[in-house]
Amino acid sequence: MKGVPFEGKVMNEAYSFFVDSKLRIGSWSEGIAGLAGTPSSAVLGKKYYTVFARIMDGEKDALSEALTRKRKVTLNGHVFRCPSSHVTADIRVEPVRVDSEVKGLNIVLENVSPCPLAGPLQGLCGIAELRNNTSALAHGVRNPLNAIKGAVTYIAGKYSNEPILSEFVKIMQEETTRLDNFISGLLGTSQHGEGTSPIDINALLRRIEIFTRLQNVTSNIRPVYEYGEVPSVMADCFHIDQAILNVINNAIEAMTSGGELTVKSGSGSMEGMNFVFIEIGDTGPGLDVRKIDEFSKNSRVRGKGFGLHLTREIFQRYGGHMEIKSKKDKGTLVRLLLPVQRSGGVE
């Protein structure tokens, strides 16, 4: 994959680290420690993408691909898209074999080129900055969240004899509790991947179906949900819930009165890997898919398409990806895929 070169000083030193077959860091050279701003004592045993920018080859994790294919992956001019800056590097991902079995990967970065305003510590990952920003955001959200929780508790007691209202109040209580727990996790660690657990996608979709029912009624939209047989997937439930809601809310907002929202779950295989998929379709005016990439290039851009950009980032974090098919005046279909959990780890 050829990236766009950036002006600035090119560091010709090679930076390397090793991960095992589960993408856990086994060695972390002094060079990569200085580049990422994280010492080896803080990273050994952790998934590489929790302390380092995830290395993507298109829509897939390059390291996962190298393990699956059992062959070398080379990315020339790879672009790391970090919170504060962009960096390019030539990357080699080389399988390490013991008795013909792949036991891990050596990752080597060469020709690292930070943009002119970013030094090495900012260039590859800005983890400290990201943690500070995340903590500030979490503190800002907590106060209004507490006010919402208090209002929901009052409504629950006041209208406990209203069955329909009680159903929605229960959902609001569950969602605010999950959000509160998520914020507590951010304030405690500000680390990614700490809350992963098996997720029943159908159970999550049924909750979303109820949660968006009034929204559909108000907009005169007919929702159609189809639940297929799906195995569990490993991820943070809050992340996946919000990612799916981003797409569904986009679909509802795109349609005029009388539209149809379709949500379908199922499982299948692609390129030798098993996936759970969620398909979300609408009958709206269509979407310019190119706009989603604008958010990767400019993190300050906001507006239509930003929710889809976030959804794509979340699914890529867990080894999945997002596909979009859209045609003017013919609607949009978004397909979300997550790898299936198997014994010993994720496929």
Protein backbone atom coordinates (compact mmCIF):
# COMPACT_ATOMS: atom_id res chain seq x y z
CA MET A 1 0.00 0.00 0.00
CA LYS A 2 1.57 3.29 -1.11
CA GLY A 3 1.02 6.27 1.17
CA VAL A 4 1.43 9.97 0.52
CA PRO A 5 4.93 11.14 1.52
CA PHE A 6 5.28 13.97 4.04
CA GLU A 7 7.91 16.66 4.07
CA GLY A 8 10.28 16.66 6.99
CA LYS A 9 13.32 14.88 8.29
CA VAL A 10 13.51 11.19 7.46
CA MET A 11 14.97 8.98 10.19
CA ASN A 12 16.90 6.16 8.50
CA GLU A 13 17.33 4.15 11.69
CA ALA A 14 15.36 0.88 11.80
CA TYR A 15 12.88 0.43 14.64
CA SER A 16 11.67 -3.03 15.59
CA PHE A 17 9.52 -5.03 17.95
CA PHE A 18 8.19 -8.60 18.23
CA VAL A 19 4.67 -9.91 18.86
CA ASP A 20 3.54 -13.46 19.57
CA SER A 21 0.76 -15.36 17.80
CA LYS A 22 -1.85 -13.45 19.83
CA LEU A 23 -0.37 -10.05 18.91
CA ARG A 24 1.11 -9.56 22.38
CA ILE A 25 4.38 -7.65 22.54
CA GLY A 26 7.32 -9.94 23.36
CA SER A 27 10.21 -7.55 22.73
CA TRP A 28 10.40 -3.78 22.37
CA SER A 29 13.66 -2.23 21.19
CA GLU A 30 15.09 1.00 22.61
CA GLY A 31 14.55 2.64 19.24
CA ILE A 32 10.83 1.88 19.06
CA ALA A 33 10.46 2.83 22.74
CA GLY A 34 11.86 6.27 21.99
CA LEU A 35 9.77 6.65 18.86
CA ALA A 36 6.48 5.70 20.53
CA GLY A 37 7.34 7.34 23.83
CA THR A 38 6.64 4.13 25.79
CA PRO A 39 9.31 2.03 27.60
CA SER A 40 9.44 -1.73 27.27
CA SER A 41 8.44 -2.17 30.94
CA ALA A 42 5.05 -0.64 30.15
CA VAL A 43 4.23 -2.65 27.03
CA LEU A 44 5.50 -6.24 27.34
CA GLY A 45 2.63 -8.71 27.30
CA LYS A 46 0.08 -6.21 25.97
CA LYS A 47 -1.65 -6.30 22.61
CA TYR A 48 0.46 -4.17 20.30
CA TYR A 49 -2.43 -1.92 19.23
CA THR A 50 -3.14 -0.84 22.84
CA VAL A 51 0.16 1.06 22.99
CA PHE A 52 0.96 1.62 19.33
CA ALA A 53 -0.96 2.79 16.28
CA ARG A 54 -2.69 -0.21 14.68
CA ILE A 55 -0.95 -1.14 11.42
CA MET A 56 -3.64 -1.45 8.76
CA ASP A 57 -3.31 -2.89 5.26
CA GLY A 58 -6.43 -1.49 3.64
CA GLU A 59 -9.33 -2.62 5.83
CA LYS A 60 -7.35 -5.35 7.64
CA ASP A 61 -4.81 -5.52 10.43
CA ALA A 62 -1.51 -6.23 8.66
CA LEU A 63 -0.17 -8.29 11.57
CA SER A 64 -3.26 -10.48 11.75
CA GLU A 65 -2.99 -10.99 7.99
CA ALA A 66 0.66 -12.03 8.26
CA LEU A 67 -0.24 -14.60 10.95
CA THR A 68 -3.23 -15.91 8.99
CA ARG A 69 -1.38 -16.11 5.66
CA LYS A 70 1.89 -17.20 7.30
CA ARG A 71 3.85 -14.93 5.00
CA LYS A 72 5.67 -11.63 4.98
CA VAL A 73 3.74 -8.38 4.58
CA THR A 74 5.44 -5.24 3.24
CA LEU A 75 3.90 -1.76 3.42
CA ASN A 76 5.85 0.98 1.66
CA GLY A 77 5.01 4.53 2.66
CA HIS A 78 2.47 3.38 5.22
CA VAL A 79 0.60 6.29 6.79
CA PHE A 80 -0.06 6.23 10.55
CA ARG A 81 -3.10 8.38 11.33
CA CYS A 82 -2.66 9.47 14.95
CA PRO A 83 -4.60 11.98 17.05
CA SER A 84 -2.08 14.79 16.71
CA SER A 85 -0.11 14.08 13.55
CA HIS A 86 0.59 11.89 10.54
CA VAL A 87 3.70 9.78 10.09
CA THR A 88 4.89 7.60 7.22
CA ALA A 89 7.17 4.58 7.35
CA ASP A 90 8.22 1.55 5.34
CA ILE A 91 7.11 -1.51 7.31
CA ARG A 92 8.12 -5.18 7.13
CA VAL A 93 6.06 -7.78 9.01
CA GLU A 94 7.99 -11.07 9.01
CA PRO A 95 6.70 -14.37 10.46
CA VAL A 96 9.00 -16.09 12.98
CA ARG A 97 8.94 -19.86 12.53
CA VAL A 98 9.92 -22.58 14.97
CA ASP A 99 9.87 -26.10 13.48
CA SER A 100 7.90 -24.72 10.50
CA GLU A 101 5.21 -23.31 12.83
CA VAL A 102 4.66 -19.55 13.01
CA LYS A 103 5.21 -18.45 16.62
CA GLY A 104 5.08 -14.71 16.15
CA LEU A 105 6.11 -11.73 14.03
CA ASN A 106 9.05 -9.37 13.77
CA ILE A 107 7.95 -5.86 12.82
CA VAL A 108 10.55 -3.50 11.38
CA LEU A 109 9.96 0.20 10.60
CA GLU A 110 12.36 2.07 8.30
CA ASN A 111 12.44 5.50 6.66
CA VAL A 112 10.19 6.93 9.35
CA SER A 113 9.16 10.43 8.31
CA PRO A 114 7.26 12.64 10.78
CA CYS A 115 5.49 15.74 9.55
CA PRO A 116 7.47 18.99 10.21
CA LEU A 117 5.55 19.94 13.36
CA ALA A 118 5.71 16.56 15.07
CA GLY A 119 8.68 15.10 16.87
CA PRO A 120 9.14 11.33 17.32
CA LEU A 121 7.20 11.22 20.60
CA GLN A 122 4.13 12.78 18.96
CA GLY A 123 4.56 10.99 15.66
CA LEU A 124 3.81 7.41 16.58
CA CYS A 125 0.88 7.40 18.68
CA GLY A 126 0.56 10.31 21.02
CA ILE A 127 -0.75 7.88 23.64
CA ALA A 128 -0.13 10.25 26.56
CA GLU A 129 -1.96 13.05 24.75
CA LEU A 130 -4.79 10.70 23.86
CA ARG A 131 -5.17 9.59 27.48
CA ASN A 132 -5.27 13.20 28.72
CA ASN A 133 -7.89 14.17 26.13
CA THR A 134 -9.94 11.08 26.92
CA SER A 135 -9.90 11.78 30.65
CA ALA A 136 -10.96 15.39 30.07
CA LEU A 137 -13.83 14.22 27.88
CA ALA A 138 -14.92 11.61 30.42
CA HIS A 139 -15.00 14.19 33.23
CA GLY A 140 -17.03 16.54 31.04
CA VAL A 141 -19.62 13.87 30.27
CA ARG A 142 -20.03 12.56 33.81
CA ASN A 143 -21.89 15.57 35.28
CA PRO A 144 -24.72 15.71 32.70
CA LEU A 145 -24.89 11.90 32.82
CA ASN A 146 -25.55 12.00 36.55
CA ALA A 147 -28.37 14.50 35.95
CA ILE A 148 -29.90 12.16 33.36
CA LYS A 149 -29.66 9.20 35.74
CA GLY A 150 -31.48 11.18 38.41
CA ALA A 151 -34.27 12.16 36.02
CA VAL A 152 -34.67 8.54 34.83
CA THR A 153 -34.87 7.30 38.42
CA TYR A 154 -37.63 9.84 39.14
CA ILE A 155 -39.59 8.81 36.01
CA ALA A 156 -39.23 5.13 36.94
CA GLY A 157 -40.85 5.73 40.33
CA LYS A 158 -43.49 8.17 39.09
CA TYR A 159 -44.77 6.05 36.19
CA SER A 160 -44.07 2.50 37.34
CA ASN A 161 -47.60 1.41 36.31
CA GLU A 162 -47.09 2.37 32.64
CA PRO A 163 -45.86 -0.82 30.87
CA ILE A 164 -44.54 0.80 27.67
CA LEU A 165 -42.89 3.68 29.51
CA SER A 166 -41.39 1.24 32.02
CA GLU A 167 -39.82 -0.70 29.16
CA PHE A 168 -38.10 2.40 27.83
CA VAL A 169 -37.08 3.52 31.32
CA LYS A 170 -35.42 0.14 31.87
CA ILE A 171 -33.43 0.57 28.67
CA MET A 172 -32.40 4.09 29.67
CA GLN A 173 -31.26 2.84 33.07
CA GLU A 174 -29.23 0.05 31.48
CA GLU A 175 -27.66 2.40 28.94
CA THR A 176 -26.75 5.10 31.45
CA THR A 177 -25.24 2.46 33.74
CA ARG A 178 -23.16 1.06 30.89
CA LEU A 179 -22.06 4.56 29.91
CA ASP A 180 -21.13 5.33 33.51
CA ASN A 181 -19.08 2.13 33.72
CA PHE A 182 -17.40 2.96 30.43
CA ILE A 183 -16.46 6.44 31.67
CA SER A 184 -15.12 4.95 34.91
CA GLY A 185 -12.91 2.69 32.83
CA LEU A 186 -11.60 5.65 30.85
CA LEU A 187 -10.81 7.61 34.00
CA GLY A 188 -9.13 4.58 35.54
CA THR A 189 -6.92 3.44 32.68
CA SER A 190 -7.73 5.24 29.42
CA GLN A 191 -6.58 2.05 27.70
CA HIS A 192 -8.20 0.37 24.70
CA GLY A 193 -9.28 -3.24 24.75
CA GLU A 194 -9.63 -3.61 28.52
CA GLY A 195 -13.38 -4.30 28.41
CA THR A 196 -13.53 -6.99 25.74
CA SER A 197 -15.91 -9.88 26.37
CA PRO A 198 -18.12 -12.26 24.33
CA ILE A 199 -21.02 -10.37 22.73
CA ASP A 200 -24.35 -11.76 21.51
CA ILE A 201 -24.95 -9.53 18.49
CA ASN A 202 -28.63 -10.53 18.23
CA ALA A 203 -29.29 -9.56 21.86
CA LEU A 204 -27.58 -6.24 21.25
CA LEU A 205 -29.67 -5.60 18.10
CA ARG A 206 -32.92 -6.45 19.90
CA ARG A 207 -32.11 -3.83 22.52
CA ILE A 208 -31.37 -1.30 19.76
CA GLU A 209 -34.65 -2.22 18.03
CA ILE A 210 -36.58 -1.29 21.17
CA PHE A 211 -34.40 1.74 21.87
CA THR A 212 -35.09 3.29 18.42
CA ARG A 213 -38.79 2.33 18.23
CA LEU A 214 -40.15 5.78 19.13
CA GLN A 215 -37.67 7.42 16.78
CA ASN A 216 -39.02 5.33 13.90
CA VAL A 217 -42.65 6.02 14.82
CA THR A 218 -42.01 9.76 14.95
CA SER A 219 -40.34 9.71 11.51
CA ASN A 220 -42.97 7.33 10.04
CA ILE A 221 -40.25 4.79 9.18
CA ARG A 222 -40.96 1.07 8.97
CA PRO A 223 -38.21 -0.96 10.68
CA VAL A 224 -37.59 -4.54 9.52
CA TYR A 225 -35.24 -6.68 11.66
CA GLU A 226 -34.07 -10.16 10.59
CA TYR A 227 -32.07 -12.20 13.09
CA GLY A 228 -29.87 -15.00 11.77
CA GLU A 229 -27.86 -17.55 13.74
CA VAL A 230 -24.69 -15.88 14.98
CA PRO A 231 -21.84 -17.05 17.23
CA SER A 232 -20.34 -14.72 19.82
CA VAL A 233 -17.71 -12.11 18.99
CA MET A 234 -15.04 -10.58 21.23
CA ALA A 235 -15.21 -6.82 21.70
CA ASP A 236 -16.30 -4.07 24.08
CA CYS A 237 -20.11 -4.15 24.06
CA PHE A 238 -20.38 -0.39 24.54
CA HIS A 239 -18.13 0.28 21.51
CA ILE A 240 -20.07 -2.05 19.20
CA ASP A 241 -23.42 -0.80 20.46
CA GLN A 242 -22.47 2.81 19.70
CA ALA A 243 -20.96 1.90 16.34
CA ILE A 244 -24.17 0.19 15.19
CA LEU A 245 -26.31 3.03 16.55
CA ASN A 246 -24.22 5.50 14.53
CA VAL A 247 -25.20 3.71 11.33
CA ILE A 248 -28.87 3.24 12.26
CA ASN A 249 -29.25 6.87 13.32
CA ASN A 250 -27.66 7.98 10.04
CA ALA A 251 -30.12 5.80 8.13
CA ILE A 252 -33.15 7.15 10.00
CA GLU A 253 -32.04 10.76 9.56
CA ALA A 254 -31.42 10.23 5.82
CA MET A 255 -34.96 9.02 5.07
CA THR A 256 -38.08 11.06 4.56
CA SER A 257 -41.47 10.03 5.92
CA GLY A 258 -42.48 6.59 4.72
CA GLY A 259 -39.00 5.12 4.39
CA GLU A 260 -37.90 1.61 5.37
CA LEU A 261 -35.06 0.63 7.66
CA THR A 262 -33.73 -2.94 7.34
CA VAL A 263 -31.38 -4.54 9.86
CA LYS A 264 -30.13 -8.08 9.34
CA SER A 265 -27.67 -10.27 11.23
CA GLY A 266 -25.93 -13.44 10.16
CA SER A 267 -22.60 -15.19 9.81
CA GLY A 268 -20.38 -16.34 6.98
CA SER A 269 -16.79 -16.68 5.83
CA MET A 270 -14.52 -14.54 3.70
CA GLU A 271 -10.98 -15.32 2.62
CA GLY A 272 -10.86 -18.27 5.00
CA MET A 273 -12.04 -16.33 8.07
CA ASN A 274 -15.40 -16.60 9.83
CA PHE A 275 -17.34 -13.41 10.49
CA VAL A 276 -20.55 -12.19 12.07
CA PHE A 277 -22.17 -9.53 9.90
CA ILE A 278 -24.75 -6.81 10.49
CA GLU A 279 -26.41 -5.28 7.43
CA ILE A 280 -28.18 -1.93 7.80
CA GLY A 281 -30.09 -0.58 4.83
CA ASP A 282 -32.23 2.48 4.15
CA THR A 283 -34.30 3.90 1.30
CA GLY A 284 -32.81 7.39 1.57
CA PRO A 285 -31.17 9.59 -1.07
CA GLY A 286 -27.84 7.78 -1.01
CA LEU A 287 -24.42 8.66 0.41
CA ASP A 288 -21.19 9.99 -1.05
CA VAL A 289 -18.85 7.34 0.37
CA ARG A 290 -15.78 9.44 -0.45
CA LYS A 291 -16.71 11.91 2.30
CA ILE A 292 -15.97 9.34 4.99
CA ASP A 293 -12.28 9.38 4.07
CA GLU A 294 -12.19 13.16 4.57
CA PHE A 295 -12.53 12.60 8.32
CA SER A 296 -9.35 10.47 8.33
CA LYS A 297 -7.45 13.30 6.62
CA ASN A 298 -8.84 16.10 8.79
CA SER A 299 -9.82 15.17 12.35
CA ARG A 300 -11.45 18.60 12.84
CA VAL A 301 -14.08 18.00 10.20
CA ARG A 302 -17.53 17.17 11.55
CA GLY A 303 -20.97 16.62 10.07
CA LYS A 304 -22.66 13.97 7.97
CA GLY A 305 -20.49 10.90 7.60
CA PHE A 306 -18.49 11.42 10.78
CA GLY A 307 -20.53 8.73 12.60
CA LEU A 308 -19.71 6.25 9.84
CA HIS A 309 -16.04 7.18 10.10
CA LEU A 310 -16.12 6.43 13.85
CA THR A 311 -17.93 3.14 13.21
CA ARG A 312 -15.27 2.08 10.73
CA GLU A 313 -12.51 2.93 13.23
CA ILE A 314 -14.22 0.93 15.99
CA PHE A 315 -14.72 -2.17 13.85
CA GLN A 316 -11.14 -2.03 12.56
CA ARG A 317 -9.95 -1.90 16.17
CA TYR A 318 -11.48 -5.36 16.73
CA GLY A 319 -10.22 -6.87 13.48
CA GLY A 320 -13.43 -6.25 11.53
CA HIS A 321 -14.33 -3.85 8.78
CA MET A 322 -17.14 -1.89 7.17
CA GLU A 323 -18.47 -2.05 3.60
CA ILE A 324 -20.80 0.55 2.07
CA LYS A 325 -22.89 0.32 -1.08
CA SER A 326 -24.87 3.41 -2.03
CA LYS A 327 -26.60 4.78 -5.10
CA LYS A 328 -28.18 8.16 -5.60
CA ASP A 329 -31.91 8.09 -4.81
CA LYS A 330 -31.69 4.30 -4.28
CA GLY A 331 -30.63 4.15 -0.65
CA THR A 332 -27.57 2.90 1.22
CA LEU A 333 -26.50 -0.50 2.56
CA VAL A 334 -23.83 -0.68 5.28
CA ARG A 335 -22.31 -4.06 6.07
CA LEU A 336 -20.38 -4.45 9.35
CA LEU A 337 -18.21 -7.51 9.96
CA LEU A 338 -16.53 -8.81 13.12
CA PRO A 339 -14.30 -11.90 13.39
CA VAL A 340 -15.77 -14.90 15.22
CA GLN A 341 -14.39 -15.98 18.58
CA ARG A 342 -12.92 -19.47 18.66
CA SER A 343 -11.16 -21.57 21.27
CA GLY A 344 -7.85 -19.94 22.16
CA GLY A 345 -8.60 -16.51 20.70
CA VAL A 346 -10.04 -14.64 17.77
CA GLU A 347 -9.71 -16.09 14.30
